[in-house]
Amino acid sequence: MVPQTRILVVAEDSQVSRWLQHRLETLGQVGRIELDSIQGFDRRIVDSSASSFDLVFAVLDFAPDSTTTAFDWIDKALAPPDSPPLVVLAMNGDELSAVGALRRGVADYLPRRLLTPELLAAALKSARNARRQAAARRPNLVATGGDEVTTAAMLPQKLPRDLIPRYALLDTLGESVRATVYLAHSAALNRHVALKVSRVSDEGEAQFAREFESVGGLRHPSVVDIYDYGMHDGREFIAMEYFPCGDLKARLQNPISALESMEYLQRIAAALSVVHAQGILHRDLKPPNIMLREDGQVVLIDFGLAKNLDQSDHSTRTGVLRGSPYYMSPEQAQGHELDARSDLYSLGVMFYEMLTGAKPYLGTSAIEVLQQHVTGAVPELPPELAAYQPLLEGMMAKDRAERFESADALLASLQAAAA
């Protein structure tokens, strides 16, 4: 016997909601069906009540002037880790909107004008199967010595409810010794954000103030948008743009062609040109700090180590090196003053990694890696990639006087090569 299915129907038009409810009820094997609006469902995301349903059917308009809104809503609906399968009933859609919706993870996409009982029944079956498969992948109990125990790693992660006012935490995106980054929903902004929250510091040192001061007022598609900054209960927080497509580090898990590497190089160089023009050095350029948009464009994030070009750099004079050893320029490794060419060196390291799938310098310790940045030869590309060697050397020369003098100079070289 097929279990009864709890379904939530989401639509702006109440008549459409009732029409779809009737269609679903005629299929049988459907238990409770509730109706809600788009805004009502947004509230369910915040309080996690949407997860109590087995399936969600949403009626969305994919007209040219509202397609972005429909896609944004799908991303928001599917962002919580326990979100139920989503079936989209599309109005004014086409093949491109169908592909876009399916790539975002919807269980099925049904054009309303072509809807038949057979298509609706097939979508219902498919979504039920997706729900069962998700439940099967979720580990429950493990037998240990005859007793059933639940390990902490198996339990759904419990997020603090009121860690930062105005933000509902949905998932943990990453952690470091300094902070935890959460996927959160801001009711004030009506959107998902990446919320970085510091660990409580006895010294009370503001860790994110530099990042907020550096780029908080900078608005450009290639630079992360920062929405909010503050302190709460001894914790510093900063709310910024969320990127569901992930970062360059994740993209590097799969091979990148030479052509794609050149495209990423051009886009990152263009982003550096923007921040350098504002007098800002990034100083921590690495794949996890290069976020990707759906159209392949890149966005620079994590300006926690950024500095203004017209300010002296005191952090490298204290004997504490900050940044990733794998991507650090020779002058940064030695604690010298930095300039725009230091960011270009880090970009050169990433370019080598994109082309070859490997880091140019490795070692058993950070000191070994840093020493290679200072004294090692510029890495040689494989013979089939030798055409890119001069470009690499223009970014990774040990003497910064031999590098491209600026991101704009690198871009001009890339444009000349393309021509």
Foldseek 3Di string as FASTA:
>chain_A
DQAAFEEEEEAQDVVVSVVVVVLVVVVDSHDHYHYYYLVRVLVCLLVVVQLVGQEYEYEDECAPVCVVVRLQSLLSQPVFPSRHAYEYAYEPDDPVSQVSNVVSPHQYYHDNVPDDSVVVVVSVVSSNVVSVVVVVPQDDWDADPNDTDDDPVRDDDDDDQPPDPQWRFRAWDDDDQFWTWTFTAGPVVRHTWTKTKGDQDPVLDDQCPQVCVLPQPPDDPQAKHWDDWDDDPRMTMTIIHDAPVAWQVVVLVDAAALVRLLVQLLLVLVSLQVSVVVQKDQQADDTNQWGAHPVGHTHGDDSSVMDGNPDWDCVLVVVDQDYQLLQFALCSLVSHTDHQLRVLQSSLQVSLCNHPVDGQADDPDSVRSSVCNQPNDQDQDPPVCNVCVVLSCLRSPNPSVSHQPGSVSSNVVSVVVVD
